[in-house]
Amino acid sequence: MEGNRENPLNLKSLNHISVLCRSVEKSLDFYQNVLGFSPIRRPHSFDFDGAWLFGYGIGIHLLQSEDSDNMLKIVKQINPKDNHISFQSESIGAVEKKLKEMEIEYLKSRVEEGGIFVDQLFFHDPNGSMIEICNCDNLPVVPLCEDTVKSCSRINCGMRQQTVGPTV
């Protein structure tokens, strides 16, 4: 395949994530009032129900399911290994307090890597999609820059001895 090996598709950034909804209204309320996203204009030419939101540099597109009864069943059990969207937070304690106030069921987890701790809170949106709130920026981003890793850019490979992020 011809092209730039470090970025073969010339990607710039994450634009949006689409979420299939049982109820756009309930999902809109959740993404606005729990996660803090703001509604934005959606093209009028769409002939199906939905809503667009923006926040934290990414978009969320809520799409009304045409067959809500046949969507995947909402699983009550919170599984951190399931597909999820993850957001950084400056204060996991404040997030946990707010989730308790809102009576949102969540699972708390703590991961340790080389003496660095990452706290995670997992919960579901109204459609059963998993949300994670974490302080994952505690972990340094350490590129894998061996000959066998072809996705590593020249910039990252030059950082072999460096770490990105706070050190503890």
C-alpha atoms as a PDB file:
ATOM      1  CA  MET A   1       0.000   0.000   0.000  1.00  0.00           C
ATOM      2  CA  GLU A   2       1.384   3.383  -1.011  1.00  0.00           C
ATOM      3  CA  GLY A   3       1.258   6.413   1.256  1.00  0.00           C
ATOM      4  CA  ASN A   4       2.484   7.653   4.573  1.00  0.00           C
ATOM      5  CA  ARG A   5       3.301   4.602   6.754  1.00  0.00           C
ATOM      6  CA  GLU A   6       2.914   6.547   9.992  1.00  0.00           C
ATOM      7  CA  ASN A   7      -0.533   7.825   8.983  1.00  0.00           C
ATOM      8  CA  PRO A   8      -1.706   5.894   5.913  1.00  0.00           C
ATOM      9  CA  LEU A   9      -5.172   7.488   5.916  1.00  0.00           C
ATOM     10  CA  ASN A  10      -3.932  11.003   6.793  1.00  0.00           C
ATOM     11  CA  LEU A  11      -6.090  11.098   9.933  1.00  0.00           C
ATOM     12  CA  LYS A  12      -6.195  14.309  11.988  1.00  0.00           C
ATOM     13  CA  SER A  13      -8.255  13.527  15.077  1.00  0.00           C
ATOM     14  CA  LEU A  14     -11.300  11.768  16.487  1.00  0.00           C
ATOM     15  CA  ASN A  15     -14.386  13.582  15.185  1.00  0.00           C
ATOM     16  CA  HIS A  16     -17.368  11.873  16.799  1.00  0.00           C
ATOM     17  CA  ILE A  17     -18.780   8.721  18.292  1.00  0.00           C
ATOM     18  CA  SER A  18     -22.272   7.534  17.331  1.00  0.00           C
ATOM     19  CA  VAL A  19     -24.542   5.996  19.938  1.00  0.00           C
ATOM     20  CA  LEU A  20     -27.642   4.053  18.898  1.00  0.00           C
ATOM     21  CA  CYS A  21     -30.457   5.058  21.269  1.00  0.00           C
ATOM     22  CA  ARG A  22     -33.650   3.562  22.577  1.00  0.00           C
ATOM     23  CA  SER A  23     -34.719   7.124  23.357  1.00  0.00           C
ATOM     24  CA  VAL A  24     -32.880  10.140  21.966  1.00  0.00           C
ATOM     25  CA  GLU A  25     -34.581  12.327  24.594  1.00  0.00           C
ATOM     26  CA  LYS A  26     -33.332  10.253  27.561  1.00  0.00           C
ATOM     27  CA  SER A  27     -29.876   9.987  26.005  1.00  0.00           C
ATOM     28  CA  LEU A  28     -29.756  13.728  25.300  1.00  0.00           C
ATOM     29  CA  ASP A  29     -30.622  14.415  28.930  1.00  0.00           C
ATOM     30  CA  PHE A  30     -27.872  12.019  30.112  1.00  0.00           C
ATOM     31  CA  TYR A  31     -25.119  13.319  27.830  1.00  0.00           C
ATOM     32  CA  GLN A  32     -25.974  16.930  28.681  1.00  0.00           C
ATOM     33  CA  ASN A  33     -26.708  16.730  32.399  1.00  0.00           C
ATOM     34  CA  VAL A  34     -24.423  13.893  33.494  1.00  0.00           C
ATOM     35  CA  LEU A  35     -21.453  14.247  31.125  1.00  0.00           C
ATOM     36  CA  GLY A  36     -21.722  17.959  30.307  1.00  0.00           C
ATOM     37  CA  PHE A  37     -21.981  17.853  26.501  1.00  0.00           C
ATOM     38  CA  SER A  38     -23.693  20.701  24.637  1.00  0.00           C
ATOM     39  CA  PRO A  39     -26.175  20.213  21.796  1.00  0.00           C
ATOM     40  CA  ILE A  40     -25.044  21.484  18.391  1.00  0.00           C
ATOM     41  CA  ARG A  41     -26.832  21.954  15.077  1.00  0.00           C
ATOM     42  CA  ARG A  42     -27.460  18.795  13.100  1.00  0.00           C
ATOM     43  CA  PRO A  43     -28.068  18.795   9.338  1.00  0.00           C
ATOM     44  CA  HIS A  44     -31.766  19.311   8.584  1.00  0.00           C
ATOM     45  CA  SER A  45     -31.542  16.941   5.628  1.00  0.00           C
ATOM     46  CA  PHE A  46     -31.404  13.894   7.922  1.00  0.00           C
ATOM     47  CA  ASP A  47     -34.733  12.085   7.781  1.00  0.00           C
ATOM     48  CA  PHE A  48     -34.319  10.214  11.072  1.00  0.00           C
ATOM     49  CA  ASP A  49     -34.482  11.256  14.716  1.00  0.00           C
ATOM     50  CA  GLY A  50     -31.224  12.096  16.432  1.00  0.00           C
ATOM     51  CA  ALA A  51     -29.153  14.766  18.142  1.00  0.00           C
ATOM     52  CA  TRP A  52     -25.588  15.997  17.926  1.00  0.00           C
ATOM     53  CA  LEU A  53     -23.578  17.081  20.937  1.00  0.00           C
ATOM     54  CA  PHE A  54     -20.082  18.464  21.384  1.00  0.00           C
ATOM     55  CA  GLY A  55     -17.695  18.728  24.303  1.00  0.00           C
ATOM     56  CA  TYR A  56     -14.120  18.048  25.341  1.00  0.00           C
ATOM     57  CA  GLY A  57     -13.003  18.247  21.711  1.00  0.00           C
ATOM     58  CA  ILE A  58     -15.237  15.429  20.419  1.00  0.00           C
ATOM     59  CA  GLY A  59     -18.746  14.979  19.132  1.00  0.00           C
ATOM     60  CA  ILE A  60     -21.388  12.505  20.205  1.00  0.00           C
ATOM     61  CA  HIS A  61     -24.061  11.680  17.630  1.00  0.00           C
ATOM     62  CA  LEU A  62     -27.194  10.196  19.140  1.00  0.00           C
ATOM     63  CA  LEU A  63     -29.160   8.111  16.642  1.00  0.00           C
ATOM     64  CA  GLN A  64     -32.686   6.891  17.325  1.00  0.00           C
ATOM     65  CA  SER A  65     -32.886   3.126  16.788  1.00  0.00           C
ATOM     66  CA  GLU A  66     -35.404   2.097  14.153  1.00  0.00           C
ATOM     67  CA  ASP A  67     -36.102  -1.052  16.163  1.00  0.00           C
ATOM     68  CA  SER A  68     -35.524  -0.416  19.877  1.00  0.00           C
ATOM     69  CA  ASP A  69     -36.963  -3.809  20.808  1.00  0.00           C
ATOM     70  CA  ASN A  70     -34.195  -5.597  18.925  1.00  0.00           C
ATOM     71  CA  MET A  71     -31.294  -3.558  20.285  1.00  0.00           C
ATOM     72  CA  LEU A  72     -28.873  -5.439  22.498  1.00  0.00           C
ATOM     73  CA  LYS A  73     -30.335  -6.045  25.916  1.00  0.00           C
ATOM     74  CA  ILE A  74     -29.172  -3.642  28.603  1.00  0.00           C
ATOM     75  CA  VAL A  75     -26.955  -5.652  30.908  1.00  0.00           C
ATOM     76  CA  LYS A  76     -27.186  -4.533  34.515  1.00  0.00           C
ATOM     77  CA  GLN A  77     -23.723  -5.878  35.348  1.00  0.00           C
ATOM     78  CA  ILE A  78     -20.969  -3.308  34.818  1.00  0.00           C
ATOM     79  CA  ASN A  79     -18.021  -4.910  33.030  1.00  0.00           C
ATOM     80  CA  PRO A  80     -14.904  -2.714  32.626  1.00  0.00           C
ATOM     81  CA  LYS A  81     -13.717  -5.038  29.847  1.00  0.00           C
ATOM     82  CA  ASP A  82     -16.752  -4.192  27.686  1.00  0.00           C
ATOM     83  CA  ASN A  83     -16.675  -1.595  24.889  1.00  0.00           C
ATOM     84  CA  HIS A  84     -16.663   1.859  26.434  1.00  0.00           C
ATOM     85  CA  ILE A  85     -15.965   5.550  25.986  1.00  0.00           C
ATOM     86  CA  SER A  86     -13.451   6.963  28.454  1.00  0.00           C
ATOM     87  CA  PHE A  87     -13.164  10.528  29.735  1.00  0.00           C
ATOM     88  CA  GLN A  88     -10.435  12.129  31.828  1.00  0.00           C
ATOM     89  CA  SER A  89     -11.364  13.850  35.072  1.00  0.00           C
ATOM     90  CA  GLU A  90      -9.451  16.140  37.375  1.00  0.00           C
ATOM     91  CA  SER A  91     -11.226  14.746  40.431  1.00  0.00           C
ATOM     92  CA  ILE A  92     -12.430  11.159  40.611  1.00  0.00           C
ATOM     93  CA  GLY A  93     -13.718  11.885  44.138  1.00  0.00           C
ATOM     94  CA  ALA A  94     -15.978  14.672  42.843  1.00  0.00           C
ATOM     95  CA  VAL A  95     -17.247  12.434  40.030  1.00  0.00           C
ATOM     96  CA  GLU A  96     -17.999   9.613  42.457  1.00  0.00           C
ATOM     97  CA  LYS A  97     -19.871  12.012  44.760  1.00  0.00           C
ATOM     98  CA  LYS A  98     -21.945  13.311  41.825  1.00  0.00           C
ATOM     99  CA  LEU A  99     -22.769   9.786  40.605  1.00  0.00           C
ATOM    100  CA  LYS A 100     -24.000   8.929  44.117  1.00  0.00           C
ATOM    101  CA  GLU A 101     -26.119  12.106  44.222  1.00  0.00           C
ATOM    102  CA  MET A 102     -27.621  11.229  40.821  1.00  0.00           C
ATOM    103  CA  GLU A 103     -28.179   7.626  41.994  1.00  0.00           C
ATOM    104  CA  ILE A 104     -26.218   6.251  39.036  1.00  0.00           C
ATOM    105  CA  GLU A 105     -24.909   2.751  39.682  1.00  0.00           C
ATOM    106  CA  TYR A 106     -21.172   2.516  39.055  1.00  0.00           C
ATOM    107  CA  LEU A 107     -18.177   0.277  39.579  1.00  0.00           C
ATOM    108  CA  LYS A 108     -14.924   1.674  40.978  1.00  0.00           C
ATOM    109  CA  SER A 109     -11.556   0.260  40.019  1.00  0.00           C
ATOM    110  CA  ARG A 110      -7.921   1.093  40.675  1.00  0.00           C
ATOM    111  CA  VAL A 111      -5.026   0.055  38.458  1.00  0.00           C
ATOM    112  CA  GLU A 112      -1.369   0.242  39.471  1.00  0.00           C
ATOM    113  CA  GLU A 113       1.509   0.350  37.011  1.00  0.00           C
ATOM    114  CA  GLY A 114       5.026   0.850  38.340  1.00  0.00           C
ATOM    115  CA  GLY A 115       3.848   2.715  41.430  1.00  0.00           C
ATOM    116  CA  ILE A 116       1.461   4.943  39.461  1.00  0.00           C
ATOM    117  CA  PHE A 117      -2.225   4.604  40.311  1.00  0.00           C
ATOM    118  CA  VAL A 118      -5.156   5.152  37.977  1.00  0.00           C
ATOM    119  CA  ASP A 119      -8.673   5.383  39.406  1.00  0.00           C
ATOM    120  CA  GLN A 120     -11.607   4.440  37.194  1.00  0.00           C
ATOM    121  CA  LEU A 121     -15.379   4.712  37.504  1.00  0.00           C
ATOM    122  CA  PHE A 122     -17.564   2.708  35.104  1.00  0.00           C
ATOM    123  CA  PHE A 123     -21.301   3.152  34.518  1.00  0.00           C
ATOM    124  CA  HIS A 124     -23.900   2.861  31.773  1.00  0.00           C
ATOM    125  CA  ASP A 125     -25.749   5.468  29.740  1.00  0.00           C
ATOM    126  CA  PRO A 126     -29.527   4.960  29.220  1.00  0.00           C
ATOM    127  CA  ASN A 127     -28.817   2.670  26.236  1.00  0.00           C
ATOM    128  CA  GLY A 128     -26.440   0.378  28.106  1.00  0.00           C
ATOM    129  CA  SER A 129     -23.295   1.895  26.558  1.00  0.00           C
ATOM    130  CA  MET A 130     -20.397   1.838  29.009  1.00  0.00           C
ATOM    131  CA  ILE A 131     -18.839   5.104  30.178  1.00  0.00           C
ATOM    132  CA  GLU A 132     -15.518   5.303  32.021  1.00  0.00           C
ATOM    133  CA  ILE A 133     -14.283   8.315  33.963  1.00  0.00           C
ATOM    134  CA  CYS A 134     -10.637   8.092  34.951  1.00  0.00           C
ATOM    135  CA  ASN A 135      -7.461   9.898  35.814  1.00  0.00           C
ATOM    136  CA  CYS A 136      -5.630   7.889  33.137  1.00  0.00           C
ATOM    137  CA  ASP A 137      -3.395  10.849  32.368  1.00  0.00           C
ATOM    138  CA  ASN A 138      -1.443   9.775  35.474  1.00  0.00           C
ATOM    139  CA  LEU A 139       0.093   7.043  33.319  1.00  0.00           C
ATOM    140  CA  PRO A 140       2.871   8.155  31.003  1.00  0.00           C
ATOM    141  CA  VAL A 141       2.452   7.483  27.286  1.00  0.00           C
ATOM    142  CA  VAL A 142       5.391   5.266  26.397  1.00  0.00           C
ATOM    143  CA  PRO A 143       5.681   4.555  22.662  1.00  0.00           C
ATOM    144  CA  LEU A 144       6.548   1.060  21.497  1.00  0.00           C
ATOM    145  CA  CYS A 145       9.297   1.858  19.009  1.00  0.00           C
ATOM    146  CA  GLU A 146      10.815  -1.424  18.010  1.00  0.00           C
ATOM    147  CA  ASP A 147      11.400  -2.416  14.397  1.00  0.00           C
ATOM    148  CA  THR A 148       8.331  -4.657  14.519  1.00  0.00           C
ATOM    149  CA  VAL A 149       6.023  -1.782  15.479  1.00  0.00           C
ATOM    150  CA  LYS A 150       5.271   0.010  12.223  1.00  0.00           C
ATOM    151  CA  SER A 151       2.742   2.477  13.589  1.00  0.00           C
ATOM    152  CA  CYS A 152       5.246   4.403  15.678  1.00  0.00           C
ATOM    153  CA  SER A 153       5.983   7.843  14.262  1.00  0.00           C
ATOM    154  CA  ARG A 154       9.501   9.251  14.015  1.00  0.00           C
ATOM    155  CA  ILE A 155       8.601  11.839  16.641  1.00  0.00           C
ATOM    156  CA  ASN A 156       7.563   9.212  19.197  1.00  0.00           C
ATOM    157  CA  CYS A 157      10.521   6.962  18.421  1.00  0.00           C
ATOM    158  CA  GLY A 158      12.833   9.823  19.346  1.00  0.00           C
ATOM    159  CA  MET A 159      11.208   9.841  22.790  1.00  0.00           C
ATOM    160  CA  ARG A 160      12.382   6.338  23.697  1.00  0.00           C
ATOM    161  CA  GLN A 161      13.889   7.470  26.999  1.00  0.00           C
ATOM    162  CA  GLN A 162      11.207  10.036  27.774  1.00  0.00           C
ATOM    163  CA  THR A 163       7.738   9.716  29.202  1.00  0.00           C
ATOM    164  CA  VAL A 164       4.831  11.978  28.542  1.00  0.00           C
ATOM    165  CA  GLY A 165       2.721  12.955  31.514  1.00  0.00           C
ATOM    166  CA  PRO A 166       3.317  13.567  35.181  1.00  0.00           C
ATOM    167  CA  THR A 167       5.849  11.471  37.016  1.00  0.00           C
ATOM    168  CA  VAL A 168       5.220  10.277  40.524  1.00  0.00           C
END
